[in-house]
PDB file of N, CA and C in Angstrom:
ATOM      1  N   UNK A   1      -0.292 -21.103   1.163  1.00  0.00           N
ATOM      2  CA  UNK A   1       0.478 -20.397   1.612  1.00  0.00           C
ATOM      3  C   UNK A   1       0.080 -18.925   2.312  1.00  0.00           C
ATOM      4  N   UNK A   2       0.451 -18.767   3.297  1.00  0.00           N
ATOM      5  CA  UNK A   2      -0.233 -17.381   3.922  1.00  0.00           C
ATOM      6  C   UNK A   2       0.411 -16.143   3.094  1.00  0.00           C
ATOM      7  N   UNK A   3      -0.151 -14.978   3.380  1.00  0.00           N
ATOM      8  CA  UNK A   3       0.640 -14.012   2.634  1.00  0.00           C
ATOM      9  C   UNK A   3       1.850 -13.712   3.002  1.00  0.00           C
ATOM     10  N   UNK A   4       1.961 -13.516   4.533  1.00  0.00           N
ATOM     11  CA  UNK A   4       3.268 -13.479   5.315  1.00  0.00           C
ATOM     12  C   UNK A   4       4.427 -14.085   4.528  1.00  0.00           C
ATOM     13  N   UNK A   5       4.476 -15.337   3.829  1.00  0.00           N
ATOM     14  CA  UNK A   5       5.074 -16.217   3.565  1.00  0.00           C
ATOM     15  C   UNK A   5       5.412 -15.803   2.283  1.00  0.00           C
ATOM     16  N   UNK A   6       4.786 -15.628   1.358  1.00  0.00           N
ATOM     17  CA  UNK A   6       4.786 -15.102   0.074  1.00  0.00           C
ATOM     18  C   UNK A   6       4.966 -14.109  -0.215  1.00  0.00           C
ATOM     19  N   UNK A   7       5.555 -12.874   0.794  1.00  0.00           N
ATOM     20  CA  UNK A   7       5.780 -11.441   0.773  1.00  0.00           C
ATOM     21  C   UNK A   7       6.957 -11.622   0.940  1.00  0.00           C
ATOM     22  N   UNK A   8       7.658 -12.193   1.603  1.00  0.00           N
ATOM     23  CA  UNK A   8       9.141 -12.507   1.672  1.00  0.00           C
ATOM     24  C   UNK A   8       9.788 -12.514   0.622  1.00  0.00           C
ATOM     25  N   UNK A   9       9.734 -12.821  -0.502  1.00  0.00           N
ATOM     26  CA  UNK A   9      10.553 -12.937  -1.950  1.00  0.00           C
ATOM     27  C   UNK A   9       9.908 -12.159  -2.910  1.00  0.00           C
ATOM     28  N   UNK A  10       8.850 -11.616  -2.535  1.00  0.00           N
ATOM     29  CA  UNK A  10       8.155 -10.204  -3.085  1.00  0.00           C
ATOM     30  C   UNK A  10       8.941  -9.414  -3.822  1.00  0.00           C
ATOM     31  N   UNK A  11       9.087  -9.394  -5.283  1.00  0.00           N
ATOM     32  CA  UNK A  11       9.829  -7.900  -5.504  1.00  0.00           C
ATOM     33  C   UNK A  11       8.900  -6.651  -5.005  1.00  0.00           C
ATOM     34  N   UNK A  12       7.466  -6.950  -5.654  1.00  0.00           N
ATOM     35  CA  UNK A  12       6.485  -5.715  -5.197  1.00  0.00           C
ATOM     36  C   UNK A  12       5.214  -6.301  -4.743  1.00  0.00           C
ATOM     37  N   UNK A  13       4.922  -5.752  -3.465  1.00  0.00           N
ATOM     38  CA  UNK A  13       3.704  -6.068  -2.639  1.00  0.00           C
ATOM     39  C   UNK A  13       2.268  -4.876  -2.826  1.00  0.00           C
ATOM     40  N   UNK A  14       1.458  -4.890  -3.236  1.00  0.00           N
ATOM     41  CA  UNK A  14       0.381  -4.166  -3.284  1.00  0.00           C
ATOM     42  C   UNK A  14      -0.718  -4.592  -2.573  1.00  0.00           C
ATOM     43  N   UNK A  15      -1.356  -3.218  -1.699  1.00  0.00           N
ATOM     44  CA  UNK A  15      -2.190  -3.675  -0.498  1.00  0.00           C
ATOM     45  C   UNK A  15      -3.525  -2.775  -1.406  1.00  0.00           C
ATOM     46  N   UNK A  16      -4.800  -3.452  -1.106  1.00  0.00           N
ATOM     47  CA  UNK A  16      -5.823  -2.789  -1.521  1.00  0.00           C
ATOM     48  C   UNK A  16      -6.693  -3.139  -1.085  1.00  0.00           C
ATOM     49  N   UNK A  17      -6.569  -3.392   0.387  1.00  0.00           N
ATOM     50  CA  UNK A  17      -7.925  -3.987   1.373  1.00  0.00           C
ATOM     51  C   UNK A  17      -9.260  -3.164   1.443  1.00  0.00           C
ATOM     52  N   UNK A  18     -10.380  -3.334   1.482  1.00  0.00           N
ATOM     53  CA  UNK A  18     -11.305  -2.275   1.628  1.00  0.00           C
ATOM     54  C   UNK A  18     -12.195  -3.528   2.162  1.00  0.00           C
ATOM     55  N   UNK A  19     -12.945  -2.899   3.703  1.00  0.00           N
ATOM     56  CA  UNK A  19     -13.579  -3.754   4.385  1.00  0.00           C
ATOM     57  C   UNK A  19     -14.693  -2.393   4.477  1.00  0.00           C
ATOM     58  N   UNK A  20     -15.904  -2.908   4.035  1.00  0.00           N
ATOM     59  CA  UNK A  20     -17.337  -2.155   4.103  1.00  0.00           C
ATOM     60  C   UNK A  20     -17.784  -1.679   5.307  1.00  0.00           C
ATOM     61  N   UNK A  21     -17.638  -0.342   5.308  1.00  0.00           N
ATOM     62  CA  UNK A  21     -18.130   0.320   6.865  1.00  0.00           C
ATOM     63  C   UNK A  21     -16.907   0.246   7.935  1.00  0.00           C
ATOM     64  N   UNK A  22     -15.492  -0.248   7.768  1.00  0.00           N
ATOM     65  CA  UNK A  22     -14.536  -0.238   8.347  1.00  0.00           C
ATOM     66  C   UNK A  22     -13.356  -0.158   8.139  1.00  0.00           C
ATOM     67  N   UNK A  23     -12.153  -0.169   9.241  1.00  0.00           N
ATOM     68  CA  UNK A  23     -10.883   0.513   8.625  1.00  0.00           C
ATOM     69  C   UNK A  23     -10.030  -1.478   8.098  1.00  0.00           C
ATOM     70  N   UNK A  24      -9.468  -1.102   7.078  1.00  0.00           N
ATOM     71  CA  UNK A  24      -8.965  -2.418   6.683  1.00  0.00           C
ATOM     72  C   UNK A  24      -8.092  -3.266   7.821  1.00  0.00           C
ATOM     73  N   UNK A  25      -7.665  -4.425   7.533  1.00  0.00           N
ATOM     74  CA  UNK A  25      -7.143  -5.430   8.512  1.00  0.00           C
ATOM     75  C   UNK A  25      -5.139  -4.959   7.800  1.00  0.00           C
ATOM     76  N   UNK A  26      -4.448  -5.204   9.044  1.00  0.00           N
ATOM     77  CA  UNK A  26      -2.989  -4.618   8.674  1.00  0.00           C
ATOM     78  C   UNK A  26      -2.500  -6.437   8.615  1.00  0.00           C
ATOM     79  N   UNK A  27      -2.512  -6.814   7.506  1.00  0.00           N
ATOM     80  CA  UNK A  27      -2.275  -8.347   6.775  1.00  0.00           C
ATOM     81  C   UNK A  27      -0.203  -8.367   7.212  1.00  0.00           C
ATOM     82  N   UNK A  28       0.103  -6.905   6.798  1.00  0.00           N
ATOM     83  CA  UNK A  28       1.615  -7.648   7.391  1.00  0.00           C
ATOM     84  C   UNK A  28       2.130  -6.387   8.628  1.00  0.00           C
ATOM     85  N   UNK A  29       2.693  -7.149   9.220  1.00  0.00           N
ATOM     86  CA  UNK A  29       3.163  -7.188  10.258  1.00  0.00           C
ATOM     87  C   UNK A  29       4.547  -5.811   9.891  1.00  0.00           C
ATOM     88  N   UNK A  30       5.047  -5.226  10.723  1.00  0.00           N
ATOM     89  CA  UNK A  30       6.434  -4.821  10.853  1.00  0.00           C
ATOM     90  C   UNK A  30       7.279  -5.512  10.765  1.00  0.00           C
ATOM     91  N   UNK A  31       7.580  -6.586  11.469  1.00  0.00           N
ATOM     92  CA  UNK A  31       9.002  -7.726  11.458  1.00  0.00           C
ATOM     93  C   UNK A  31       8.216  -8.491  10.103  1.00  0.00           C
ATOM     94  N   UNK A  32       7.191  -8.862   9.426  1.00  0.00           N
ATOM     95  CA  UNK A  32       7.107  -9.351   8.177  1.00  0.00           C
ATOM     96  C   UNK A  32       8.225  -8.449   7.140  1.00  0.00           C
ATOM     97  N   UNK A  33       7.691  -7.435   7.501  1.00  0.00           N
ATOM     98  CA  UNK A  33       8.244  -6.227   6.121  1.00  0.00           C
ATOM     99  C   UNK A  33       9.525  -6.166   6.329  1.00  0.00           C
ATOM    100  N   UNK A  34      10.422  -6.086   7.648  1.00  0.00           N
ATOM    101  CA  UNK A  34      11.860  -6.054   7.642  1.00  0.00           C
ATOM    102  C   UNK A  34      12.616  -7.356   7.345  1.00  0.00           C
ATOM    103  N   UNK A  35      11.551  -8.429   7.439  1.00  0.00           N
ATOM    104  CA  UNK A  35      12.393  -9.589   6.923  1.00  0.00           C
ATOM    105  C   UNK A  35      12.474  -9.675   5.102  1.00  0.00           C
ATOM    106  N   UNK A  36      11.625  -9.086   4.720  1.00  0.00           N
ATOM    107  CA  UNK A  36      11.614  -8.867   3.159  1.00  0.00           C
ATOM    108  C   UNK A  36      13.167  -8.687   2.530  1.00  0.00           C
ATOM    109  N   UNK A  37      12.693  -9.398   1.376  1.00  0.00           N
ATOM    110  CA  UNK A  37      14.360  -9.734   0.650  1.00  0.00           C
ATOM    111  C   UNK A  37      14.848  -7.938   0.285  1.00  0.00           C
ATOM    112  N   UNK A  38      15.924  -7.755  -0.139  1.00  0.00           N
ATOM    113  CA  UNK A  38      16.621  -6.941  -0.595  1.00  0.00           C
ATOM    114  C   UNK A  38      15.669  -5.491  -1.523  1.00  0.00           C
ATOM    115  N   UNK A  39      15.508  -4.616  -1.152  1.00  0.00           N
ATOM    116  CA  UNK A  39      14.932  -3.782  -2.287  1.00  0.00           C
ATOM    117  C   UNK A  39      13.676  -3.898  -3.034  1.00  0.00           C
ATOM    118  N   UNK A  40      12.831  -4.318  -1.956  1.00  0.00           N
ATOM    119  CA  UNK A  40      11.336  -4.307  -2.715  1.00  0.00           C
ATOM    120  C   UNK A  40      10.391  -3.170  -2.551  1.00  0.00           C
ATOM    121  N   UNK A  41       8.992  -3.056  -3.150  1.00  0.00           N
ATOM    122  CA  UNK A  41       8.654  -2.106  -2.754  1.00  0.00           C
ATOM    123  C   UNK A  41       7.113  -1.942  -2.599  1.00  0.00           C
ATOM    124  N   UNK A  42       6.589  -1.380  -1.419  1.00  0.00           N
ATOM    125  CA  UNK A  42       5.539  -1.413  -1.342  1.00  0.00           C
ATOM    126  C   UNK A  42       4.318  -0.695  -1.568  1.00  0.00           C
ATOM    127  N   UNK A  43       2.924  -1.064  -2.211  1.00  0.00           N
ATOM    128  CA  UNK A  43       2.024  -0.259  -2.716  1.00  0.00           C
ATOM    129  C   UNK A  43       0.848  -0.372  -1.872  1.00  0.00           C
ATOM    130  N   UNK A  44       0.478   0.860  -0.943  1.00  0.00           N
ATOM    131  CA  UNK A  44      -0.920   0.631  -0.492  1.00  0.00           C
ATOM    132  C   UNK A  44      -1.936   1.782  -1.230  1.00  0.00           C
ATOM    133  N   UNK A  45      -2.560   1.049  -2.024  1.00  0.00           N
ATOM    134  CA  UNK A  45      -3.245   1.698  -2.863  1.00  0.00           C
ATOM    135  C   UNK A  45      -4.777   2.233  -2.051  1.00  0.00           C
ATOM    136  N   UNK A  46      -4.833   1.972  -1.119  1.00  0.00           N
ATOM    137  CA  UNK A  46      -6.253   2.110  -0.384  1.00  0.00           C
ATOM    138  C   UNK A  46      -5.576   2.794   1.013  1.00  0.00           C
ATOM    139  N   UNK A  47      -4.721   3.693   1.355  1.00  0.00           N
ATOM    140  CA  UNK A  47      -4.633   4.143   2.559  1.00  0.00           C
ATOM    141  C   UNK A  47      -5.215   4.766   3.198  1.00  0.00           C
ATOM    142  N   UNK A  48      -6.118   5.367   2.678  1.00  0.00           N
ATOM    143  CA  UNK A  48      -7.536   6.023   3.557  1.00  0.00           C
ATOM    144  C   UNK A  48      -8.199   5.533   4.309  1.00  0.00           C
ATOM    145  N   UNK A  49      -7.951   3.802   3.695  1.00  0.00           N
ATOM    146  CA  UNK A  49      -9.176   2.913   4.413  1.00  0.00           C
ATOM    147  C   UNK A  49      -8.441   2.304   5.459  1.00  0.00           C
ATOM    148  N   UNK A  50      -6.870   2.514   5.687  1.00  0.00           N
ATOM    149  CA  UNK A  50      -6.395   1.752   6.711  1.00  0.00           C
ATOM    150  C   UNK A  50      -5.114   1.251   5.912  1.00  0.00           C
ATOM    151  N   UNK A  51      -4.201   0.680   6.862  1.00  0.00           N
ATOM    152  CA  UNK A  51      -2.704   0.402   6.727  1.00  0.00           C
ATOM    153  C   UNK A  51      -2.573  -1.503   6.615  1.00  0.00           C
ATOM    154  N   UNK A  52      -2.653  -1.146   5.476  1.00  0.00           N
ATOM    155  CA  UNK A  52      -2.201  -2.878   4.982  1.00  0.00           C
ATOM    156  C   UNK A  52      -0.784  -2.959   5.327  1.00  0.00           C
ATOM    157  N   UNK A  53       0.197  -2.390   5.129  1.00  0.00           N
ATOM    158  CA  UNK A  53       1.435  -2.909   6.063  1.00  0.00           C
ATOM    159  C   UNK A  53       1.865  -2.231   7.276  1.00  0.00           C
ATOM    160  N   UNK A  54       2.491  -2.764   8.288  1.00  0.00           N
ATOM    161  CA  UNK A  54       2.485  -1.597   9.535  1.00  0.00           C
ATOM    162  C   UNK A  54       3.169  -0.647   8.888  1.00  0.00           C
ATOM    163  N   UNK A  55       4.202  -1.072   8.396  1.00  0.00           N
ATOM    164  CA  UNK A  55       5.244   0.332   7.836  1.00  0.00           C
ATOM    165  C   UNK A  55       4.233   1.375   6.890  1.00  0.00           C
ATOM    166  N   UNK A  56       3.329   1.307   6.922  1.00  0.00           N
ATOM    167  CA  UNK A  56       2.488   2.439   5.818  1.00  0.00           C
ATOM    168  C   UNK A  56       2.175   3.744   6.594  1.00  0.00           C
ATOM    169  N   UNK A  57       2.422   4.725   5.891  1.00  0.00           N
ATOM    170  CA  UNK A  57       1.818   6.173   5.898  1.00  0.00           C
ATOM    171  C   UNK A  57       1.569   6.931   4.621  1.00  0.00           C
ATOM    172  N   UNK A  58       0.328   7.396   4.982  1.00  0.00           N
ATOM    173  CA  UNK A  58       0.013   8.066   3.857  1.00  0.00           C
ATOM    174  C   UNK A  58       0.656   9.258   3.401  1.00  0.00           C
ATOM    175  N   UNK A  59       0.739   9.137   2.053  1.00  0.00           N
ATOM    176  CA  UNK A  59       1.654  10.262   1.126  1.00  0.00           C
ATOM    177  C   UNK A  59       1.021  10.754   0.482  1.00  0.00           C
ATOM    178  N   UNK A  60       1.564  11.838  -0.114  1.00  0.00           N
ATOM    179  CA  UNK A  60       0.733  13.012  -1.085  1.00  0.00           C
ATOM    180  C   UNK A  60       1.609  12.664  -2.120  1.00  0.00           C
ATOM    181  N   UNK A  61       0.581  13.133  -3.426  1.00  0.00           N
ATOM    182  CA  UNK A  61       0.833  13.076  -4.679  1.00  0.00           C
ATOM    183  C   UNK A  61       2.470  14.290  -5.153  1.00  0.00           C
ATOM    184  N   UNK A  62       2.812  15.140  -4.392  1.00  0.00           N
ATOM    185  CA  UNK A  62       4.427  15.641  -4.859  1.00  0.00           C
ATOM    186  C   UNK A  62       5.424  14.891  -3.932  1.00  0.00           C
ATOM    187  N   UNK A  63       5.178  14.104  -2.910  1.00  0.00           N
ATOM    188  CA  UNK A  63       5.940  13.506  -2.461  1.00  0.00           C
ATOM    189  C   UNK A  63       5.410  11.936  -2.197  1.00  0.00           C
ATOM    190  N   UNK A  64       5.479  11.334  -3.261  1.00  0.00           N
ATOM    191  CA  UNK A  64       4.678  10.209  -2.949  1.00  0.00           C
ATOM    192  C   UNK A  64       5.561   8.721  -2.160  1.00  0.00           C
ATOM    193  N   UNK A  65       6.879   8.742  -1.995  1.00  0.00           N
ATOM    194  CA  UNK A  65       7.146   7.534  -1.468  1.00  0.00           C
ATOM    195  C   UNK A  65       8.635   7.890  -0.772  1.00  0.00           C
ATOM    196  N   UNK A  66       8.746   7.044   0.480  1.00  0.00           N
ATOM    197  CA  UNK A  66       9.724   6.898   1.254  1.00  0.00           C
ATOM    198  C   UNK A  66      10.559   5.471   1.746  1.00  0.00           C
ATOM    199  N   UNK A  67      11.179   5.674   2.590  1.00  0.00           N
ATOM    200  CA  UNK A  67      11.967   4.548   2.734  1.00  0.00           C
ATOM    201  C   UNK A  67      12.079   3.880   3.964  1.00  0.00           C
ATOM    202  N   UNK A  68      11.638   2.940   4.365  1.00  0.00           N
ATOM    203  CA  UNK A  68      12.108   2.284   5.632  1.00  0.00           C
ATOM    204  C   UNK A  68      12.360   0.808   5.610  1.00  0.00           C
ATOM    205  N   UNK A  69      13.954   0.785   6.566  1.00  0.00           N
ATOM    206  CA  UNK A  69      14.671   0.077   6.053  1.00  0.00           C
ATOM    207  C   UNK A  69      15.114  -0.529   4.745  1.00  0.00           C
ATOM    208  N   UNK A  70      15.229   0.352   4.216  1.00  0.00           N
ATOM    209  CA  UNK A  70      15.868   0.335   2.355  1.00  0.00           C
ATOM    210  C   UNK A  70      14.658  -0.263   1.688  1.00  0.00           C
ATOM    211  N   UNK A  71      13.069  -0.443   1.951  1.00  0.00           N
ATOM    212  CA  UNK A  71      12.247  -0.550   1.582  1.00  0.00           C
ATOM    213  C   UNK A  71      11.089   0.606   0.827  1.00  0.00           C
ATOM    214  N   UNK A  72      11.493   0.510  -0.346  1.00  0.00           N
ATOM    215  CA  UNK A  72      10.301   1.653  -1.250  1.00  0.00           C
ATOM    216  C   UNK A  72       8.772   1.762  -0.659  1.00  0.00           C
ATOM    217  N   UNK A  73       8.241   2.144  -0.381  1.00  0.00           N
ATOM    218  CA  UNK A  73       7.237   2.912   0.208  1.00  0.00           C
ATOM    219  C   UNK A  73       6.025   3.868  -0.610  1.00  0.00           C
ATOM    220  N   UNK A  74       5.131   3.248  -1.327  1.00  0.00           N
ATOM    221  CA  UNK A  74       4.438   4.293  -1.800  1.00  0.00           C
ATOM    222  C   UNK A  74       2.803   4.216  -1.229  1.00  0.00           C
ATOM    223  N   UNK A  75       2.391   5.291  -0.401  1.00  0.00           N
ATOM    224  CA  UNK A  75       0.879   4.853  -0.195  1.00  0.00           C
ATOM    225  C   UNK A  75       0.330   6.414  -0.241  1.00  0.00           C
ATOM    226  N   UNK A  76      -0.183   6.917  -1.645  1.00  0.00           N
ATOM    227  CA  UNK A  76      -0.226   7.971  -1.842  1.00  0.00           C
ATOM    228  C   UNK A  76      -2.015   7.969  -1.530  1.00  0.00           C
ATOM    229  N   UNK A  77      -2.176   8.988  -0.575  1.00  0.00           N
ATOM    230  CA  UNK A  77      -3.824   9.106  -0.265  1.00  0.00           C
ATOM    231  C   UNK A  77      -4.485   9.664  -1.692  1.00  0.00           C
ATOM    232  N   UNK A  78      -5.946   9.343  -1.882  1.00  0.00           N
ATOM    233  CA  UNK A  78      -6.912   9.645  -2.797  1.00  0.00           C
ATOM    234  C   UNK A  78      -5.829   9.921  -4.243  1.00  0.00           C
ATOM    235  N   UNK A  79      -5.491   8.211  -4.760  1.00  0.00           N
ATOM    236  CA  UNK A  79      -4.644   8.556  -5.739  1.00  0.00           C
ATOM    237  C   UNK A  79      -5.701   8.772  -7.186  1.00  0.00           C
ATOM    238  N   UNK A  80      -7.070   8.549  -7.466  1.00  0.00           N
ATOM    239  CA  UNK A  80      -7.399   8.472  -7.922  1.00  0.00           C
ATOM    240  C   UNK A  80      -7.727  10.418  -8.554  1.00  0.00           C
ATOM    241  N   UNK A  81      -7.193  10.914  -7.266  1.00  0.00           N
ATOM    242  CA  UNK A  81      -7.195  12.261  -7.593  1.00  0.00           C
ATOM    243  C   UNK A  81      -6.265  12.881  -8.653  1.00  0.00           C
ATOM    244  N   UNK A  82      -5.195  12.052  -8.737  1.00  0.00           N
ATOM    245  CA  UNK A  82      -4.451  12.140  -9.499  1.00  0.00           C
ATOM    246  C   UNK A  82      -4.781  12.370 -11.230  1.00  0.00           C
ATOM    247  N   UNK A  83      -5.615  11.541 -11.615  1.00  0.00           N
ATOM    248  CA  UNK A  83      -6.513  11.549 -12.876  1.00  0.00           C
ATOM    249  C   UNK A  83      -8.105  11.833 -12.679  1.00  0.00           C
ATOM    250  N   UNK A  84      -8.269  12.640 -12.199  1.00  0.00           N
ATOM    251  CA  UNK A  84      -9.687  13.183 -11.987  1.00  0.00           C
ATOM    252  C   UNK A  84     -10.724  13.269 -12.796  1.00  0.00           C
ATOM    253  N   UNK A  85     -10.868  13.333 -14.472  1.00  0.00           N
ATOM    254  CA  UNK A  85     -11.459  13.077 -15.265  1.00  0.00           C
ATOM    255  C   UNK A  85     -11.546  11.494 -15.485  1.00  0.00           C
ATOM    256  N   UNK A  86     -10.394  10.899 -15.658  1.00  0.00           N
ATOM    257  CA  UNK A  86     -10.863   9.389 -16.179  1.00  0.00           C
ATOM    258  C   UNK A  86     -11.093   8.809 -15.039  1.00  0.00           C
ATOM    259  N   UNK A  87     -10.945   9.374 -13.513  1.00  0.00           N
ATOM    260  CA  UNK A  87     -11.633   8.196 -12.297  1.00  0.00           C
ATOM    261  C   UNK A  87     -13.082   8.668 -12.276  1.00  0.00           C
ATOM    262  N   UNK A  88     -13.458   9.449 -12.792  1.00  0.00           N
ATOM    263  CA  UNK A  88     -14.660   9.810 -12.717  1.00  0.00           C
ATOM    264  C   UNK A  88     -15.482   9.171 -13.528  1.00  0.00           C
ATOM    265  N   UNK A  89     -14.698   9.003 -14.853  1.00  0.00           N
ATOM    266  CA  UNK A  89     -15.866   8.508 -15.810  1.00  0.00           C
ATOM    267  C   UNK A  89     -15.743   6.637 -15.358  1.00  0.00           C
ATOM    268  N   UNK A  90     -13.994   6.157 -14.892  1.00  0.00           N
ATOM    269  CA  UNK A  90     -14.416   4.963 -14.368  1.00  0.00           C
ATOM    270  C   UNK A  90     -15.251   4.618 -13.170  1.00  0.00           C
ATOM    271  N   UNK A  91     -15.307   5.377 -12.216  1.00  0.00           N
ATOM    272  CA  UNK A  91     -16.142   5.434 -11.138  1.00  0.00           C
ATOM    273  C   UNK A  91     -17.603   5.449 -11.381  1.00  0.00           C
ATOM    274  N   UNK A  92     -18.156   6.014 -12.661  1.00  0.00           N
ATOM    275  CA  UNK A  92     -19.306   6.377 -12.495  1.00  0.00           C
ATOM    276  C   UNK A  92     -20.379   4.822 -13.695  1.00  0.00           C
ATOM    277  N   UNK A  93     -19.250   4.742 -14.295  1.00  0.00           N
ATOM    278  CA  UNK A  93     -19.933   3.910 -15.711  1.00  0.00           C
ATOM    279  C   UNK A  93     -20.210   2.470 -15.278  1.00  0.00           C
TER     280      UNK A  93
END
């Protein structure tokens, strides 16, 4: 099954695509996002590397989410920045 067909019935979709040296692919179109069942949540944990969801836009820790067609989006840029000490330890060990 393709990602597009799977996501239509998902409660949560997490995008974390990383393409070394390039921006990430946009795997879910705006049409697929609007066809998702009621009240899902989309998390783009690598927003600084591209928009996994066509409806993604970077947000901040102070205002992390927004709605598009009753779908909660959370696309905080620099998520490790919220836990700097832990992130540094995790990324360097």
